[in-house]
Amino acid sequence: MGVRIRVAGVVGVVLAAVAASAGVVRAEPGARPSVLVLTVAGGDSLESAASQRVVLLLCAPVVWGTHPKAGAACDELGAAGGDFTTLQGPPLRVCTQDYNPVTIAADGTWNGTSVRYRQTYPNACAMGDRSVSVFEF
C-alpha cells in the first residue's frame, strides 16, 4: 500500500513538472502513460538493502525523468514491450562469481498497465546482464 501511495504521489508531481518544463521529448501520439520508479538496492531484498538508488522514468506521454539515460531506457523498455523479464544486456559479458547481492525493482505503469517487478542478482555485473540502460544509474 505504501509503495502505491508513494508512486501515485511521485507520478502526480512528475506530471505537474512535465507540464511546466520545456525541452522534453514527446512520445508517440495517443500513447498511454508509462511512468516508473526504478530502484537498485545493495542487498538481497529492498527491505534489507544497505543502500538504494532511486530514479523516476517517464516514457509517455513525454520522455523525461531523473534517470540519466531516460531516452535510452525508454527505448529499451519499448523494444521489450515493457516486459522487464525480456530485457537483455550486452552480449559476451563475463562476470566473477563474487556474492554481493543487488536487487532491482520497478513500480508504476507501462502503457497504462500496472507494473511491479523485483529481481535479485548475485552481484552488480550479473545485474548488468539484464539490461543495457534501464537500471544503469
N, C-alpha and C. Protein backbone atom coordinates (compact mmCIF):
# COMPACT_ATOMS: atom_id res chain seq x y z
N MET A 1 0.82 -1.19 0.00
CA MET A 1 0.00 0.00 0.00
C MET A 1 0.87 1.25 0.00
N GLY A 2 1.94 1.27 0.82
CA GLY A 2 2.81 2.42 0.91
C GLY A 2 3.49 2.74 -0.41
N VAL A 3 3.91 1.69 -1.15
CA VAL A 3 4.55 1.90 -2.43
C VAL A 3 3.56 2.51 -3.43
N ARG A 4 2.32 2.02 -3.43
CA ARG A 4 1.32 2.56 -4.35
C ARG A 4 1.06 4.03 -4.09
N ILE A 5 0.95 4.39 -2.82
CA ILE A 5 0.71 5.79 -2.47
C ILE A 5 1.91 6.63 -2.88
N ARG A 6 3.12 6.12 -2.61
CA ARG A 6 4.33 6.86 -2.96
C ARG A 6 4.43 7.02 -4.47
N VAL A 7 4.19 5.95 -5.23
CA VAL A 7 4.25 6.02 -6.69
C VAL A 7 3.21 6.98 -7.22
N ALA A 8 1.99 6.93 -6.70
CA ALA A 8 0.93 7.84 -7.15
C ALA A 8 1.32 9.29 -6.87
N GLY A 9 1.90 9.54 -5.71
CA GLY A 9 2.34 10.90 -5.39
C GLY A 9 3.45 11.37 -6.30
N VAL A 10 4.41 10.50 -6.56
CA VAL A 10 5.51 10.83 -7.45
C VAL A 10 5.00 11.10 -8.85
N VAL A 11 4.08 10.27 -9.33
CA VAL A 11 3.52 10.45 -10.67
C VAL A 11 2.83 11.81 -10.77
N GLY A 12 2.07 12.19 -9.76
CA GLY A 12 1.40 13.48 -9.78
C GLY A 12 2.38 14.64 -9.84
N VAL A 13 3.43 14.56 -9.04
CA VAL A 13 4.45 15.61 -9.04
C VAL A 13 5.15 15.66 -10.39
N VAL A 14 5.46 14.50 -10.94
CA VAL A 14 6.15 14.45 -12.23
C VAL A 14 5.30 15.04 -13.33
N LEU A 15 4.04 14.67 -13.39
CA LEU A 15 3.18 15.20 -14.44
C LEU A 15 3.04 16.72 -14.33
N ALA A 16 3.00 17.23 -13.12
CA ALA A 16 2.94 18.68 -12.94
C ALA A 16 4.24 19.33 -13.41
N ALA A 17 5.37 18.70 -13.09
CA ALA A 17 6.67 19.24 -13.51
C ALA A 17 6.82 19.18 -15.02
N VAL A 18 6.35 18.10 -15.62
CA VAL A 18 6.44 17.95 -17.07
C VAL A 18 5.62 19.03 -17.75
N ALA A 19 4.45 19.29 -17.22
CA ALA A 19 3.59 20.31 -17.82
C ALA A 19 4.26 21.68 -17.78
N ALA A 20 5.08 21.91 -16.77
CA ALA A 20 5.72 23.21 -16.61
C ALA A 20 7.09 23.30 -17.28
N SER A 21 7.64 22.16 -17.73
CA SER A 21 9.00 22.19 -18.26
C SER A 21 9.01 22.32 -19.77
N ALA A 22 10.17 22.77 -20.27
CA ALA A 22 10.36 22.88 -21.72
C ALA A 22 11.47 21.93 -22.13
N GLY A 23 11.52 21.60 -23.39
CA GLY A 23 12.60 20.79 -23.91
C GLY A 23 12.46 19.30 -23.67
N VAL A 24 11.29 18.83 -23.35
CA VAL A 24 11.10 17.39 -23.16
C VAL A 24 10.80 16.76 -24.51
N VAL A 25 11.09 15.49 -24.64
CA VAL A 25 10.85 14.75 -25.87
C VAL A 25 9.44 14.18 -25.82
N ARG A 26 8.68 14.39 -26.85
CA ARG A 26 7.31 13.88 -26.91
C ARG A 26 7.29 12.42 -27.32
N ALA A 27 6.43 11.65 -26.71
CA ALA A 27 6.24 10.25 -27.09
C ALA A 27 5.27 10.19 -28.26
N GLU A 28 4.98 8.99 -28.71
CA GLU A 28 4.04 8.79 -29.81
C GLU A 28 2.67 9.35 -29.44
N PRO A 29 1.96 9.96 -30.41
CA PRO A 29 0.61 10.45 -30.14
C PRO A 29 -0.30 9.30 -29.70
N GLY A 30 -1.13 9.55 -28.72
CA GLY A 30 -2.07 8.55 -28.23
C GLY A 30 -1.46 7.53 -27.29
N ALA A 31 -0.19 7.70 -26.94
CA ALA A 31 0.45 6.74 -26.03
C ALA A 31 -0.17 6.85 -24.65
N ARG A 32 -0.40 5.69 -24.02
CA ARG A 32 -0.92 5.69 -22.66
C ARG A 32 0.23 5.90 -21.69
N PRO A 33 -0.04 6.36 -20.47
CA PRO A 33 1.03 6.70 -19.53
C PRO A 33 1.99 5.55 -19.24
N SER A 34 3.27 5.89 -19.22
CA SER A 34 4.33 4.96 -18.82
C SER A 34 5.23 5.71 -17.87
N VAL A 35 5.03 5.49 -16.58
CA VAL A 35 5.76 6.18 -15.52
C VAL A 35 6.25 5.14 -14.53
N LEU A 36 7.57 5.11 -14.29
CA LEU A 36 8.15 4.09 -13.43
C LEU A 36 9.09 4.69 -12.40
N VAL A 37 9.06 4.12 -11.21
CA VAL A 37 10.07 4.40 -10.18
C VAL A 37 10.98 3.18 -10.19
N LEU A 38 12.25 3.38 -10.54
CA LEU A 38 13.23 2.30 -10.63
C LEU A 38 14.18 2.36 -9.45
N THR A 39 14.49 1.21 -8.88
CA THR A 39 15.36 1.13 -7.70
C THR A 39 16.44 0.10 -7.92
N VAL A 40 17.67 0.44 -7.51
CA VAL A 40 18.78 -0.51 -7.44
C VAL A 40 19.23 -0.49 -5.98
N ALA A 41 19.18 -1.65 -5.34
CA ALA A 41 19.47 -1.73 -3.91
C ALA A 41 20.60 -2.73 -3.65
N GLY A 42 21.51 -2.36 -2.77
CA GLY A 42 22.60 -3.24 -2.38
C GLY A 42 22.15 -4.19 -1.29
N GLY A 43 21.76 -5.40 -1.66
CA GLY A 43 21.29 -6.39 -0.71
C GLY A 43 20.38 -7.39 -1.38
N ASP A 44 19.96 -8.41 -0.63
CA ASP A 44 19.14 -9.44 -1.25
C ASP A 44 17.65 -9.17 -1.18
N SER A 45 17.26 -7.98 -0.71
CA SER A 45 15.87 -7.53 -0.77
C SER A 45 15.86 -6.02 -0.59
N LEU A 46 14.78 -5.39 -1.01
CA LEU A 46 14.68 -3.93 -0.82
C LEU A 46 14.62 -3.58 0.65
N GLU A 47 13.95 -4.42 1.42
CA GLU A 47 13.76 -4.15 2.84
C GLU A 47 15.07 -4.22 3.63
N SER A 48 15.98 -5.10 3.22
CA SER A 48 17.24 -5.26 3.96
C SER A 48 18.41 -4.58 3.28
N ALA A 49 18.16 -3.77 2.27
CA ALA A 49 19.23 -3.16 1.49
C ALA A 49 20.07 -2.21 2.32
N ALA A 50 21.38 -2.33 2.14
CA ALA A 50 22.32 -1.44 2.81
C ALA A 50 22.27 -0.04 2.19
N SER A 51 22.00 0.02 0.90
CA SER A 51 21.91 1.31 0.20
C SER A 51 20.94 1.16 -0.96
N GLN A 52 20.38 2.29 -1.38
CA GLN A 52 19.45 2.29 -2.50
C GLN A 52 19.68 3.50 -3.38
N ARG A 53 19.51 3.30 -4.68
CA ARG A 53 19.49 4.40 -5.64
C ARG A 53 18.12 4.33 -6.31
N VAL A 54 17.46 5.46 -6.41
CA VAL A 54 16.10 5.50 -6.96
C VAL A 54 16.02 6.61 -8.01
N VAL A 55 15.41 6.30 -9.15
CA VAL A 55 15.17 7.30 -10.18
C VAL A 55 13.73 7.21 -10.66
N LEU A 56 13.31 8.27 -11.31
CA LEU A 56 11.99 8.33 -11.92
C LEU A 56 12.17 8.29 -13.43
N LEU A 57 11.39 7.47 -14.10
CA LEU A 57 11.46 7.37 -15.56
C LEU A 57 10.06 7.53 -16.13
N LEU A 58 9.88 8.56 -16.93
CA LEU A 58 8.61 8.83 -17.60
C LEU A 58 8.84 8.63 -19.09
N CYS A 59 8.14 7.66 -19.69
CA CYS A 59 8.31 7.35 -21.12
C CYS A 59 7.14 7.82 -21.97
N ALA A 60 6.00 8.06 -21.40
CA ALA A 60 4.84 8.56 -22.14
C ALA A 60 3.91 9.25 -21.14
N PRO A 61 3.36 10.38 -21.46
CA PRO A 61 3.23 11.00 -22.76
C PRO A 61 4.48 11.74 -23.25
N VAL A 62 5.48 11.91 -22.40
CA VAL A 62 6.76 12.50 -22.80
C VAL A 62 7.87 11.63 -22.23
N VAL A 63 9.09 11.79 -22.77
CA VAL A 63 10.25 11.09 -22.22
C VAL A 63 10.96 12.08 -21.31
N TRP A 64 11.05 11.72 -20.02
CA TRP A 64 11.59 12.65 -19.04
C TRP A 64 11.85 11.89 -17.75
N GLY A 65 12.55 12.50 -16.82
CA GLY A 65 12.73 11.91 -15.50
C GLY A 65 14.10 12.20 -14.93
N THR A 66 14.36 11.61 -13.77
CA THR A 66 15.65 11.79 -13.12
C THR A 66 16.64 10.72 -13.57
N HIS A 67 16.21 9.79 -14.39
CA HIS A 67 17.09 8.75 -14.94
C HIS A 67 18.10 9.43 -15.87
N PRO A 68 19.41 9.17 -15.69
CA PRO A 68 20.41 9.85 -16.52
C PRO A 68 20.38 9.45 -18.00
N LYS A 69 19.80 8.31 -18.32
CA LYS A 69 19.69 7.85 -19.71
C LYS A 69 18.22 7.58 -20.03
N ALA A 70 17.36 8.55 -19.76
CA ALA A 70 15.91 8.35 -19.90
C ALA A 70 15.52 7.90 -21.30
N GLY A 71 16.04 8.54 -22.33
CA GLY A 71 15.68 8.18 -23.69
C GLY A 71 16.06 6.75 -24.03
N ALA A 72 17.29 6.37 -23.71
CA ALA A 72 17.77 5.01 -23.99
C ALA A 72 16.98 3.98 -23.18
N ALA A 73 16.69 4.29 -21.92
CA ALA A 73 15.93 3.36 -21.08
C ALA A 73 14.52 3.17 -21.62
N CYS A 74 13.88 4.26 -22.05
CA CYS A 74 12.53 4.15 -22.62
C CYS A 74 12.55 3.36 -23.92
N ASP A 75 13.58 3.59 -24.75
CA ASP A 75 13.70 2.82 -26.00
C ASP A 75 13.86 1.34 -25.71
N GLU A 76 14.70 1.02 -24.73
CA GLU A 76 14.95 -0.38 -24.38
C GLU A 76 13.67 -1.05 -23.85
N LEU A 77 12.96 -0.34 -22.98
CA LEU A 77 11.70 -0.89 -22.46
C LEU A 77 10.65 -1.00 -23.55
N GLY A 78 10.61 -0.03 -24.45
CA GLY A 78 9.67 -0.08 -25.56
C GLY A 78 9.91 -1.29 -26.45
N ALA A 79 11.18 -1.58 -26.73
CA ALA A 79 11.52 -2.74 -27.56
C ALA A 79 11.11 -4.05 -26.88
N ALA A 80 11.10 -4.04 -25.54
CA ALA A 80 10.71 -5.23 -24.77
C ALA A 80 9.22 -5.25 -24.48
N GLY A 81 8.49 -4.27 -24.98
CA GLY A 81 7.06 -4.20 -24.72
C GLY A 81 6.75 -3.94 -23.26
N GLY A 82 7.71 -3.33 -22.54
CA GLY A 82 7.53 -3.04 -21.12
C GLY A 82 7.69 -4.26 -20.24
N ASP A 83 8.12 -5.38 -20.80
CA ASP A 83 8.29 -6.64 -20.06
C ASP A 83 9.72 -6.73 -19.52
N PHE A 84 9.88 -6.49 -18.23
CA PHE A 84 11.21 -6.49 -17.62
C PHE A 84 11.89 -7.85 -17.70
N THR A 85 11.12 -8.92 -17.79
CA THR A 85 11.72 -10.26 -17.84
C THR A 85 12.38 -10.55 -19.18
N THR A 86 12.10 -9.76 -20.20
CA THR A 86 12.71 -10.00 -21.51
C THR A 86 13.85 -9.04 -21.83
N LEU A 87 14.16 -8.11 -20.93
CA LEU A 87 15.29 -7.21 -21.16
C LEU A 87 16.58 -8.01 -21.25
N GLN A 88 17.48 -7.58 -22.13
CA GLN A 88 18.75 -8.27 -22.28
C GLN A 88 19.89 -7.27 -22.26
N GLY A 89 20.96 -7.67 -21.59
CA GLY A 89 22.15 -6.84 -21.53
C GLY A 89 23.05 -7.06 -22.72
N PRO A 90 24.25 -6.50 -22.66
CA PRO A 90 25.18 -6.64 -23.77
C PRO A 90 25.64 -8.09 -23.93
N PRO A 91 25.97 -8.50 -25.16
CA PRO A 91 26.44 -9.87 -25.37
C PRO A 91 27.86 -10.07 -24.83
N LEU A 92 28.19 -11.30 -24.56
CA LEU A 92 29.55 -11.69 -24.15
C LEU A 92 30.04 -11.00 -22.88
N ARG A 93 29.19 -10.85 -21.92
CA ARG A 93 29.59 -10.25 -20.65
C ARG A 93 30.09 -11.36 -19.74
N VAL A 94 31.28 -11.19 -19.16
CA VAL A 94 31.88 -12.18 -18.27
C VAL A 94 31.91 -11.59 -16.86
N CYS A 95 31.31 -12.29 -15.90
CA CYS A 95 31.24 -11.81 -14.52
C CYS A 95 31.95 -12.78 -13.57
N THR A 96 32.45 -12.25 -12.47
CA THR A 96 33.03 -13.09 -11.43
C THR A 96 31.90 -13.77 -10.66
N GLN A 97 32.24 -14.70 -9.83
CA GLN A 97 31.26 -15.42 -9.02
C GLN A 97 31.13 -14.83 -7.62
N ASP A 98 31.65 -13.62 -7.40
CA ASP A 98 31.54 -12.97 -6.09
C ASP A 98 30.08 -12.81 -5.71
N TYR A 99 29.79 -13.02 -4.41
CA TYR A 99 28.42 -12.83 -3.94
C TYR A 99 28.33 -11.52 -3.17
N ASN A 100 27.73 -10.54 -3.80
CA ASN A 100 27.47 -9.23 -3.23
C ASN A 100 26.13 -8.80 -3.82
N PRO A 101 25.01 -9.32 -3.27
CA PRO A 101 23.71 -9.23 -3.94
C PRO A 101 23.23 -7.81 -4.22
N VAL A 102 22.53 -7.70 -5.34
CA VAL A 102 21.93 -6.46 -5.80
C VAL A 102 20.48 -6.78 -6.18
N THR A 103 19.56 -5.98 -5.68
CA THR A 103 18.14 -6.16 -6.01
C THR A 103 17.67 -4.97 -6.83
N ILE A 104 16.96 -5.26 -7.91
CA ILE A 104 16.38 -4.19 -8.72
C ILE A 104 14.86 -4.26 -8.60
N ALA A 105 14.23 -3.10 -8.77
CA ALA A 105 12.77 -3.04 -8.66
C ALA A 105 12.23 -1.98 -9.62
N ALA A 106 11.02 -2.22 -10.08
CA ALA A 106 10.29 -1.25 -10.89
C ALA A 106 8.85 -1.22 -10.42
N ASP A 107 8.34 -0.03 -10.17
CA ASP A 107 6.95 0.16 -9.75
C ASP A 107 6.36 1.31 -10.55
N GLY A 108 5.13 1.16 -10.98
CA GLY A 108 4.45 2.23 -11.70
C GLY A 108 3.51 1.69 -12.74
N THR A 109 3.52 2.32 -13.93
CA THR A 109 2.67 1.86 -15.03
C THR A 109 3.48 1.84 -16.32
N TRP A 110 3.16 0.89 -17.19
CA TRP A 110 3.72 0.86 -18.53
C TRP A 110 2.56 0.74 -19.51
N ASN A 111 2.45 1.73 -20.38
CA ASN A 111 1.37 1.77 -21.37
C ASN A 111 0.01 1.62 -20.69
N GLY A 112 -0.12 2.23 -19.52
CA GLY A 112 -1.38 2.22 -18.78
C GLY A 112 -1.61 1.00 -17.92
N THR A 113 -0.69 0.01 -17.94
CA THR A 113 -0.83 -1.21 -17.16
C THR A 113 0.08 -1.17 -15.94
N SER A 114 -0.43 -1.57 -14.79
CA SER A 114 0.34 -1.55 -13.55
C SER A 114 1.55 -2.48 -13.64
N VAL A 115 2.69 -2.00 -13.10
CA VAL A 115 3.95 -2.75 -13.10
C VAL A 115 4.47 -2.87 -11.69
N ARG A 116 4.87 -4.07 -11.31
CA ARG A 116 5.59 -4.30 -10.05
C ARG A 116 6.57 -5.43 -10.35
N TYR A 117 7.86 -5.11 -10.39
CA TYR A 117 8.89 -6.08 -10.76
C TYR A 117 10.00 -6.06 -9.71
N ARG A 118 10.47 -7.24 -9.33
CA ARG A 118 11.58 -7.39 -8.38
C ARG A 118 12.48 -8.52 -8.88
N GLN A 119 13.79 -8.32 -8.77
CA GLN A 119 14.73 -9.38 -9.11
C GLN A 119 16.03 -9.15 -8.34
N THR A 120 16.59 -10.22 -7.79
CA THR A 120 17.86 -10.14 -7.08
C THR A 120 18.92 -10.90 -7.87
N TYR A 121 20.10 -10.30 -7.96
CA TYR A 121 21.23 -10.88 -8.68
C TYR A 121 22.39 -11.08 -7.70
N PRO A 122 23.29 -12.02 -8.00
CA PRO A 122 24.40 -12.28 -7.07
C PRO A 122 25.38 -11.12 -6.96
N ASN A 123 25.47 -10.27 -8.00
CA ASN A 123 26.36 -9.10 -7.94
C ASN A 123 25.95 -8.11 -9.04
N ALA A 124 26.58 -6.94 -9.04
CA ALA A 124 26.21 -5.88 -9.98
C ALA A 124 26.51 -6.28 -11.43
N CYS A 125 27.57 -7.04 -11.65
CA CYS A 125 27.89 -7.48 -13.00
C CYS A 125 26.78 -8.37 -13.55
N ALA A 126 26.33 -9.32 -12.74
CA ALA A 126 25.24 -10.21 -13.17
C ALA A 126 23.97 -9.41 -13.44
N MET A 127 23.73 -8.36 -12.66
CA MET A 127 22.57 -7.50 -12.90
C MET A 127 22.69 -6.85 -14.28
N GLY A 128 23.90 -6.50 -14.68
CA GLY A 128 24.13 -5.87 -15.98
C GLY A 128 23.78 -6.76 -17.16
N ASP A 129 23.67 -8.07 -16.92
CA ASP A 129 23.25 -8.98 -17.98
C ASP A 129 21.79 -8.76 -18.35
N ARG A 130 21.04 -8.11 -17.48
CA ARG A 130 19.60 -7.95 -17.68
C ARG A 130 19.26 -6.76 -18.56
N SER A 131 20.07 -5.74 -18.58
CA SER A 131 19.68 -4.52 -19.28
C SER A 131 20.91 -3.70 -19.65
N VAL A 132 20.80 -2.95 -20.73
CA VAL A 132 21.89 -2.06 -21.12
C VAL A 132 21.78 -0.73 -20.39
N SER A 133 20.59 -0.15 -20.31
CA SER A 133 20.47 1.19 -19.73
C SER A 133 19.38 1.36 -18.68
N VAL A 134 18.40 0.48 -18.61
CA VAL A 134 17.26 0.70 -17.72
C VAL A 134 17.69 0.84 -16.26
N PHE A 135 18.57 -0.04 -15.79
CA PHE A 135 18.99 0.01 -14.39
C PHE A 135 20.40 0.56 -14.21
N GLU A 136 20.90 1.33 -15.17
CA GLU A 136 22.21 1.95 -15.06
C GLU A 136 22.05 3.40 -14.61
N PHE A 137 22.09 3.58 -13.32
CA PHE A 137 22.01 4.93 -12.73
C PHE A 137 22.66 4.92 -11.37
